[in-house]
């Protein structure tokens, strides 16, 4: 925890959850953990974590591996990239939001290619379809 009377300048990395009620300038990378910026927290940094919850102020880009939540008291100026983003009523946000699942879909395709040694799965194997992929399902069924 970075308390209300603490100011940190620099880069923070680690393997634990972190709550920031003080000030942070630099960068914050906790990709496997949760970051919470409390109501009194002021962050001037790019933030990368599994889950990011903003109750205070963040000036910088945010990457959430699972989700980003900006609560009604939250104030964010920067871009957000996450598969799930929640902006509560009253939250202040200026920036862009990227929720494109294309990156994860590409990673799944690469993993499948490795698993099948680069060969297409046989017709007897079940197919995992992304939502909205009716054309692929129909063409796979007809072949």
N, C-alpha and C. Protein backbone atom coordinates (compact mmCIF):
# COMPACT_ATOMS: atom_id res chain seq x y z
N UNK A 1 0.84 -1.18 0.00
CA UNK A 1 0.00 0.00 0.00
C UNK A 1 0.88 1.24 0.00
N UNK A 2 0.50 2.19 -0.84
CA UNK A 2 1.14 3.50 -0.83
C UNK A 2 0.14 4.43 -0.15
N UNK A 3 0.44 4.83 1.09
CA UNK A 3 -0.47 5.61 1.92
C UNK A 3 -0.60 7.05 1.47
N UNK A 4 -1.55 7.76 2.08
CA UNK A 4 -1.87 9.14 1.69
C UNK A 4 -0.68 10.09 1.85
N UNK A 5 0.22 9.82 2.77
CA UNK A 5 1.36 10.70 2.98
C UNK A 5 2.61 10.30 2.21
N UNK A 6 2.49 9.34 1.32
CA UNK A 6 3.65 8.82 0.57
C UNK A 6 3.60 9.28 -0.87
N UNK A 7 4.77 9.69 -1.40
CA UNK A 7 4.91 10.01 -2.82
C UNK A 7 6.06 9.19 -3.37
N UNK A 8 5.79 8.48 -4.46
CA UNK A 8 6.79 7.63 -5.10
C UNK A 8 7.06 8.14 -6.50
N UNK A 9 8.34 8.31 -6.83
CA UNK A 9 8.76 8.67 -8.19
C UNK A 9 9.62 7.53 -8.71
N UNK A 10 9.16 6.89 -9.81
CA UNK A 10 9.94 5.80 -10.39
C UNK A 10 9.04 4.71 -10.92
N UNK A 11 9.65 3.56 -11.19
CA UNK A 11 8.96 2.42 -11.77
C UNK A 11 8.69 1.39 -10.69
N UNK A 12 7.46 0.87 -10.66
CA UNK A 12 7.09 -0.15 -9.69
C UNK A 12 6.71 -1.41 -10.45
N UNK A 13 7.31 -2.54 -10.06
CA UNK A 13 6.94 -3.86 -10.57
C UNK A 13 6.83 -4.77 -9.36
N UNK A 14 6.12 -5.88 -9.53
CA UNK A 14 6.01 -6.80 -8.40
C UNK A 14 5.02 -7.90 -8.66
N UNK A 15 4.82 -8.72 -7.60
CA UNK A 15 3.93 -9.87 -7.67
C UNK A 15 2.86 -9.84 -6.59
N UNK A 16 2.46 -8.66 -6.16
CA UNK A 16 1.42 -8.52 -5.15
C UNK A 16 0.42 -7.47 -5.59
N UNK A 17 -0.79 -7.55 -5.01
CA UNK A 17 -1.78 -6.51 -5.24
C UNK A 17 -1.29 -5.22 -4.61
N UNK A 18 -1.74 -4.09 -5.15
CA UNK A 18 -1.28 -2.79 -4.64
C UNK A 18 -2.44 -1.81 -4.59
N UNK A 19 -2.54 -1.09 -3.48
CA UNK A 19 -3.50 -0.01 -3.32
C UNK A 19 -2.71 1.28 -3.20
N UNK A 20 -3.12 2.29 -3.96
CA UNK A 20 -2.42 3.58 -3.95
C UNK A 20 -3.37 4.65 -3.44
N UNK A 21 -3.05 5.18 -2.26
CA UNK A 21 -3.82 6.29 -1.70
C UNK A 21 -2.98 7.57 -1.72
N UNK A 22 -1.71 7.45 -2.04
CA UNK A 22 -0.81 8.59 -2.12
C UNK A 22 -0.57 8.98 -3.56
N UNK A 23 0.68 9.39 -3.86
CA UNK A 23 1.03 9.85 -5.21
C UNK A 23 2.08 8.94 -5.81
N UNK A 24 1.92 8.68 -7.12
CA UNK A 24 2.89 7.89 -7.88
C UNK A 24 3.14 8.57 -9.20
N UNK A 25 4.42 8.75 -9.53
CA UNK A 25 4.83 9.25 -10.84
C UNK A 25 5.85 8.28 -11.40
N UNK A 26 5.65 7.83 -12.63
CA UNK A 26 6.57 6.88 -13.25
C UNK A 26 5.81 5.84 -14.04
N UNK A 27 5.98 4.56 -13.66
CA UNK A 27 5.23 3.48 -14.31
C UNK A 27 4.92 2.40 -13.27
N UNK A 28 3.86 1.66 -13.55
CA UNK A 28 3.40 0.61 -12.63
C UNK A 28 3.05 -0.62 -13.44
N UNK A 29 3.73 -1.74 -13.17
CA UNK A 29 3.50 -2.97 -13.93
C UNK A 29 3.35 -4.14 -12.95
N UNK A 30 2.10 -4.56 -12.78
CA UNK A 30 1.77 -5.71 -11.94
C UNK A 30 0.83 -6.61 -12.73
N UNK A 31 1.30 -7.17 -13.84
CA UNK A 31 0.45 -7.85 -14.81
C UNK A 31 -0.36 -9.02 -14.26
N UNK A 32 0.09 -9.66 -13.18
CA UNK A 32 -0.64 -10.81 -12.63
C UNK A 32 -1.47 -10.43 -11.41
N UNK A 33 -1.54 -9.15 -11.10
CA UNK A 33 -2.17 -8.73 -9.86
C UNK A 33 -3.16 -7.60 -10.06
N UNK A 34 -3.74 -7.15 -8.94
CA UNK A 34 -4.74 -6.08 -8.97
C UNK A 34 -4.14 -4.78 -8.45
N UNK A 35 -4.49 -3.70 -9.13
CA UNK A 35 -4.10 -2.36 -8.70
C UNK A 35 -5.37 -1.58 -8.41
N UNK A 36 -5.39 -0.95 -7.25
CA UNK A 36 -6.52 -0.09 -6.90
C UNK A 36 -5.97 1.29 -6.55
N UNK A 37 -6.50 2.31 -7.23
CA UNK A 37 -6.15 3.69 -6.91
C UNK A 37 -7.29 4.21 -6.05
N UNK A 38 -6.98 4.47 -4.78
CA UNK A 38 -8.00 4.92 -3.83
C UNK A 38 -8.47 6.34 -4.13
N UNK A 39 -9.49 6.79 -3.40
CA UNK A 39 -10.08 8.11 -3.63
C UNK A 39 -9.07 9.24 -3.51
N UNK A 40 -8.07 9.08 -2.65
CA UNK A 40 -7.05 10.12 -2.48
C UNK A 40 -5.82 9.86 -3.35
N UNK A 41 -5.82 8.78 -4.11
CA UNK A 41 -4.68 8.42 -4.94
C UNK A 41 -4.57 9.29 -6.19
N UNK A 42 -3.33 9.69 -6.50
CA UNK A 42 -3.02 10.45 -7.71
C UNK A 42 -1.88 9.74 -8.41
N UNK A 43 -2.15 9.23 -9.61
CA UNK A 43 -1.15 8.47 -10.36
C UNK A 43 -0.89 9.18 -11.68
N UNK A 44 0.37 9.51 -11.90
CA UNK A 44 0.80 10.06 -13.19
C UNK A 44 1.77 9.03 -13.77
N UNK A 45 1.17 7.99 -14.35
CA UNK A 45 1.97 6.86 -14.82
C UNK A 45 1.14 5.99 -15.72
N UNK A 46 1.81 5.20 -16.55
CA UNK A 46 1.15 4.14 -17.29
C UNK A 46 0.99 2.97 -16.32
N UNK A 47 -0.19 2.35 -16.32
CA UNK A 47 -0.50 1.28 -15.38
C UNK A 47 -0.84 0.02 -16.16
N UNK A 48 -0.24 -1.10 -15.78
CA UNK A 48 -0.53 -2.39 -16.40
C UNK A 48 -0.71 -3.40 -15.27
N UNK A 49 -1.90 -4.05 -15.24
CA UNK A 49 -2.21 -5.04 -14.20
C UNK A 49 -3.30 -5.97 -14.70
N UNK A 50 -3.53 -7.03 -13.96
CA UNK A 50 -4.60 -7.97 -14.32
C UNK A 50 -5.95 -7.28 -14.17
N UNK A 51 -6.16 -6.63 -13.03
CA UNK A 51 -7.38 -5.87 -12.77
C UNK A 51 -6.97 -4.49 -12.28
N UNK A 52 -7.59 -3.45 -12.83
CA UNK A 52 -7.30 -2.08 -12.41
C UNK A 52 -8.61 -1.43 -11.98
N UNK A 53 -8.64 -0.92 -10.76
CA UNK A 53 -9.83 -0.22 -10.26
C UNK A 53 -9.42 1.19 -9.86
N UNK A 54 -10.12 2.18 -10.42
CA UNK A 54 -9.77 3.57 -10.20
C UNK A 54 -10.87 4.27 -9.40
N UNK A 55 -10.55 4.69 -8.18
CA UNK A 55 -11.43 5.53 -7.37
C UNK A 55 -10.90 6.96 -7.34
N UNK A 56 -9.61 7.13 -7.62
CA UNK A 56 -8.96 8.43 -7.58
C UNK A 56 -8.67 8.95 -8.98
N UNK A 57 -7.45 9.50 -9.16
CA UNK A 57 -7.09 10.12 -10.44
C UNK A 57 -5.90 9.40 -11.07
N UNK A 58 -6.01 9.14 -12.39
CA UNK A 58 -4.91 8.55 -13.15
C UNK A 58 -4.71 9.38 -14.42
N UNK A 59 -3.49 9.84 -14.62
CA UNK A 59 -3.07 10.49 -15.86
C UNK A 59 -2.06 9.55 -16.50
N UNK A 60 -2.49 8.78 -17.49
CA UNK A 60 -1.63 7.82 -18.16
C UNK A 60 -2.45 6.72 -18.77
N UNK A 61 -1.81 5.89 -19.56
CA UNK A 61 -2.50 4.78 -20.23
C UNK A 61 -2.65 3.61 -19.27
N UNK A 62 -3.75 2.87 -19.42
CA UNK A 62 -4.06 1.74 -18.54
C UNK A 62 -4.26 0.49 -19.38
N UNK A 63 -3.58 -0.59 -19.00
CA UNK A 63 -3.78 -1.89 -19.62
C UNK A 63 -4.27 -2.83 -18.54
N UNK A 64 -5.45 -3.40 -18.74
CA UNK A 64 -6.01 -4.38 -17.82
C UNK A 64 -6.08 -5.73 -18.51
N UNK A 65 -5.39 -6.72 -17.99
CA UNK A 65 -5.40 -8.05 -18.60
C UNK A 65 -6.79 -8.67 -18.54
N UNK A 66 -7.54 -8.41 -17.44
CA UNK A 66 -8.91 -8.91 -17.30
C UNK A 66 -9.93 -7.80 -17.43
N UNK A 67 -9.76 -6.73 -16.62
CA UNK A 67 -10.75 -5.65 -16.67
C UNK A 67 -10.20 -4.38 -16.04
N UNK A 68 -10.87 -3.27 -16.40
CA UNK A 68 -10.59 -1.96 -15.82
C UNK A 68 -11.93 -1.39 -15.36
N UNK A 69 -11.96 -0.88 -14.13
CA UNK A 69 -13.17 -0.29 -13.57
C UNK A 69 -12.85 1.13 -13.13
N UNK A 70 -13.63 2.09 -13.63
CA UNK A 70 -13.51 3.47 -13.17
C UNK A 70 -14.80 3.76 -12.40
N UNK A 71 -14.66 3.97 -11.10
CA UNK A 71 -15.83 4.17 -10.25
C UNK A 71 -16.34 5.60 -10.38
N UNK A 72 -17.46 5.87 -9.72
CA UNK A 72 -18.09 7.20 -9.81
C UNK A 72 -17.18 8.32 -9.32
N UNK A 73 -16.22 8.00 -8.45
CA UNK A 73 -15.29 9.04 -7.98
C UNK A 73 -14.00 9.05 -8.79
N UNK A 74 -13.87 8.15 -9.77
CA UNK A 74 -12.66 8.03 -10.56
C UNK A 74 -12.53 9.08 -11.65
N UNK A 75 -11.28 9.41 -11.97
CA UNK A 75 -10.97 10.42 -12.99
C UNK A 75 -9.76 9.91 -13.77
N UNK A 76 -9.95 9.60 -15.04
CA UNK A 76 -8.87 9.05 -15.87
C UNK A 76 -8.69 9.91 -17.11
N UNK A 77 -7.45 10.26 -17.39
CA UNK A 77 -7.06 10.92 -18.62
C UNK A 77 -5.97 10.07 -19.25
N UNK A 78 -6.39 9.28 -20.24
CA UNK A 78 -5.46 8.37 -20.90
C UNK A 78 -6.24 7.30 -21.62
N UNK A 79 -5.55 6.45 -22.31
CA UNK A 79 -6.16 5.38 -23.10
C UNK A 79 -6.26 4.11 -22.27
N UNK A 80 -7.33 3.35 -22.52
CA UNK A 80 -7.54 2.09 -21.80
C UNK A 80 -7.58 0.95 -22.81
N UNK A 81 -6.87 -0.13 -22.47
CA UNK A 81 -6.93 -1.35 -23.27
C UNK A 81 -7.21 -2.50 -22.32
N UNK A 82 -8.38 -3.14 -22.52
CA UNK A 82 -8.79 -4.26 -21.68
C UNK A 82 -9.95 -4.98 -22.34
N UNK A 83 -10.13 -6.27 -22.06
CA UNK A 83 -11.27 -6.98 -22.64
C UNK A 83 -12.60 -6.54 -22.03
N UNK A 84 -12.58 -6.05 -20.78
CA UNK A 84 -13.80 -5.57 -20.13
C UNK A 84 -13.49 -4.23 -19.47
N UNK A 85 -14.36 -3.25 -19.70
CA UNK A 85 -14.19 -1.92 -19.11
C UNK A 85 -15.54 -1.49 -18.52
N UNK A 86 -15.49 -0.99 -17.29
CA UNK A 86 -16.69 -0.48 -16.64
C UNK A 86 -16.47 0.98 -16.27
N UNK A 87 -17.37 1.84 -16.74
CA UNK A 87 -17.37 3.25 -16.35
C UNK A 87 -18.65 3.48 -15.56
N UNK A 88 -18.51 3.66 -14.27
CA UNK A 88 -19.69 3.89 -13.45
C UNK A 88 -20.25 5.28 -13.70
N UNK A 89 -21.53 5.43 -13.45
CA UNK A 89 -22.21 6.71 -13.61
C UNK A 89 -21.51 7.76 -12.74
N UNK A 90 -21.07 8.84 -13.35
CA UNK A 90 -20.37 9.90 -12.64
C UNK A 90 -18.86 9.86 -12.82
N UNK A 91 -18.33 8.77 -13.36
CA UNK A 91 -16.89 8.68 -13.59
C UNK A 91 -16.47 9.69 -14.65
N UNK A 92 -15.25 10.21 -14.53
CA UNK A 92 -14.71 11.16 -15.50
C UNK A 92 -13.65 10.43 -16.32
N UNK A 93 -13.79 10.49 -17.64
CA UNK A 93 -12.85 9.79 -18.51
C UNK A 93 -12.62 10.59 -19.78
N UNK A 94 -11.34 10.76 -20.12
CA UNK A 94 -10.99 11.37 -21.41
C UNK A 94 -9.88 10.52 -22.01
N UNK A 95 -10.16 9.95 -23.18
CA UNK A 95 -9.20 9.08 -23.85
C UNK A 95 -9.93 8.13 -24.76
N UNK A 96 -9.26 7.04 -25.11
CA UNK A 96 -9.88 6.03 -25.96
C UNK A 96 -9.91 4.70 -25.22
N UNK A 97 -10.83 3.84 -25.66
CA UNK A 97 -10.96 2.51 -25.07
C UNK A 97 -10.81 1.49 -26.19
N UNK A 98 -9.91 0.53 -25.99
CA UNK A 98 -9.69 -0.56 -26.95
C UNK A 98 -10.09 -1.87 -26.27
N UNK A 99 -11.20 -2.43 -26.74
CA UNK A 99 -11.68 -3.71 -26.20
C UNK A 99 -11.63 -4.79 -27.27
N UNK A 100 -10.77 -4.64 -28.26
CA UNK A 100 -10.68 -5.56 -29.39
C UNK A 100 -10.17 -6.92 -28.93
N UNK A 101 -10.98 -7.95 -29.08
CA UNK A 101 -10.52 -9.28 -28.69
C UNK A 101 -9.59 -9.90 -29.73
N UNK A 102 -9.25 -9.17 -30.78
CA UNK A 102 -8.42 -9.69 -31.86
C UNK A 102 -7.08 -10.22 -31.38
N UNK A 103 -6.46 -9.55 -30.43
CA UNK A 103 -5.17 -10.00 -29.93
C UNK A 103 -5.29 -11.36 -29.26
N UNK A 104 -6.33 -11.54 -28.43
CA UNK A 104 -6.48 -12.82 -27.76
C UNK A 104 -6.90 -13.91 -28.75
N UNK A 105 -7.69 -13.56 -29.76
CA UNK A 105 -8.09 -14.53 -30.78
C UNK A 105 -6.87 -14.99 -31.58
N UNK A 106 -5.97 -14.06 -31.86
CA UNK A 106 -4.74 -14.41 -32.58
C UNK A 106 -3.89 -15.36 -31.74
N UNK A 107 -3.80 -15.08 -30.44
CA UNK A 107 -3.02 -15.95 -29.55
C UNK A 107 -3.64 -17.35 -29.49
N UNK A 108 -4.98 -17.43 -29.46
CA UNK A 108 -5.65 -18.73 -29.45
C UNK A 108 -5.37 -19.49 -30.74
N UNK A 109 -5.38 -18.80 -31.87
CA UNK A 109 -5.10 -19.45 -33.15
C UNK A 109 -3.67 -19.98 -33.21
N UNK A 110 -2.73 -19.20 -32.68
CA UNK A 110 -1.34 -19.65 -32.65
C UNK A 110 -1.18 -20.86 -31.74
N UNK A 111 -1.86 -20.86 -30.60
CA UNK A 111 -1.79 -22.00 -29.68
C UNK A 111 -2.38 -23.25 -30.33
N UNK A 112 -3.50 -23.10 -31.07
CA UNK A 112 -4.11 -24.23 -31.76
C UNK A 112 -3.18 -24.76 -32.83
N UNK A 113 -2.51 -23.86 -33.56
CA UNK A 113 -1.58 -24.29 -34.61
C UNK A 113 -0.43 -25.09 -34.02
N UNK A 114 0.08 -24.66 -32.86
CA UNK A 114 1.16 -25.40 -32.20
C UNK A 114 0.67 -26.77 -31.74
N UNK A 115 -0.56 -26.78 -31.19
CA UNK A 115 -1.12 -28.02 -30.67
C UNK A 115 -1.34 -29.05 -31.77
N UNK A 116 -1.71 -28.59 -32.97
CA UNK A 116 -1.97 -29.50 -34.09
C UNK A 116 -0.80 -29.57 -35.06
N UNK A 117 0.37 -29.09 -34.63
CA UNK A 117 1.58 -29.08 -35.45
C UNK A 117 1.39 -28.35 -36.77
N UNK A 118 0.64 -27.26 -36.73
CA UNK A 118 0.45 -26.43 -37.92
C UNK A 118 -0.57 -26.95 -38.90
N UNK A 119 -1.17 -28.13 -38.63
CA UNK A 119 -2.18 -28.69 -39.53
C UNK A 119 -3.56 -28.26 -39.07
N UNK A 120 -4.47 -28.19 -40.01
CA UNK A 120 -5.85 -27.84 -39.67
C UNK A 120 -6.46 -28.96 -38.83
N UNK A 121 -7.30 -28.61 -37.87
CA UNK A 121 -7.97 -29.66 -37.10
C UNK A 121 -8.88 -30.48 -38.02
N UNK A 122 -9.02 -31.77 -37.71
CA UNK A 122 -9.85 -32.63 -38.55
C UNK A 122 -11.32 -32.28 -38.39
N UNK A 123 -12.13 -32.75 -39.30
CA UNK A 123 -13.56 -32.44 -39.29
C UNK A 123 -14.25 -33.04 -38.07
N UNK A 124 -13.63 -34.06 -37.45
CA UNK A 124 -14.27 -34.68 -36.29
C UNK A 124 -13.98 -33.93 -35.00
N UNK A 125 -13.00 -33.02 -35.02
CA UNK A 125 -12.69 -32.26 -33.81
C UNK A 125 -13.67 -31.10 -33.66
N UNK A 126 -14.09 -30.81 -32.43
CA UNK A 126 -15.00 -29.68 -32.24
C UNK A 126 -14.29 -28.36 -32.53
N UNK A 127 -15.06 -27.42 -33.05
CA UNK A 127 -14.51 -26.10 -33.36
C UNK A 127 -14.97 -25.11 -32.31
N UNK A 128 -14.09 -24.24 -31.88
CA UNK A 128 -14.47 -23.15 -30.98
C UNK A 128 -14.66 -21.91 -31.84
N UNK A 129 -15.87 -21.38 -31.82
CA UNK A 129 -16.18 -20.22 -32.63
C UNK A 129 -16.33 -19.00 -31.76
N UNK A 130 -15.85 -17.89 -32.25
CA UNK A 130 -16.06 -16.61 -31.59
C UNK A 130 -17.47 -16.15 -31.91
N UNK A 131 -18.02 -15.30 -31.08
CA UNK A 131 -19.37 -14.80 -31.32
C UNK A 131 -19.41 -14.06 -32.65
N UNK A 132 -20.52 -14.21 -33.38
CA UNK A 132 -20.68 -13.53 -34.66
C UNK A 132 -19.97 -14.23 -35.80
N UNK A 133 -19.58 -15.48 -35.61
CA UNK A 133 -18.82 -16.18 -36.64
C UNK A 133 -19.71 -17.22 -37.34
N UNK A 134 -20.93 -16.83 -37.73
CA UNK A 134 -21.88 -17.75 -38.33
C UNK A 134 -21.41 -18.24 -39.69
N UNK A 135 -20.79 -17.37 -40.48
CA UNK A 135 -20.36 -17.75 -41.83
C UNK A 135 -19.32 -18.87 -41.75
N UNK A 136 -18.38 -18.77 -40.81
CA UNK A 136 -17.37 -19.81 -40.67
C UNK A 136 -18.00 -21.11 -40.26
N UNK A 137 -19.00 -21.04 -39.38
CA UNK A 137 -19.67 -22.26 -38.92
C UNK A 137 -20.42 -22.91 -40.08
N UNK A 138 -21.09 -22.10 -40.89
CA UNK A 138 -21.83 -22.65 -42.02
C UNK A 138 -20.91 -23.24 -43.06
N UNK A 139 -19.80 -22.59 -43.37
CA UNK A 139 -18.90 -23.13 -44.39
C UNK A 139 -18.19 -24.37 -43.87
N UNK A 140 -17.88 -24.43 -42.58
CA UNK A 140 -17.25 -25.61 -42.01
C UNK A 140 -18.22 -26.79 -42.02
N UNK A 141 -19.52 -26.52 -41.76
CA UNK A 141 -20.52 -27.55 -41.73
C UNK A 141 -20.79 -28.11 -43.11
N UNK A 142 -20.74 -27.27 -44.13
CA UNK A 142 -21.04 -27.73 -45.50
C UNK A 142 -19.87 -28.43 -46.16
N UNK A 143 -18.66 -28.31 -45.62
CA UNK A 143 -17.51 -28.97 -46.29
C UNK A 143 -17.23 -30.35 -45.77
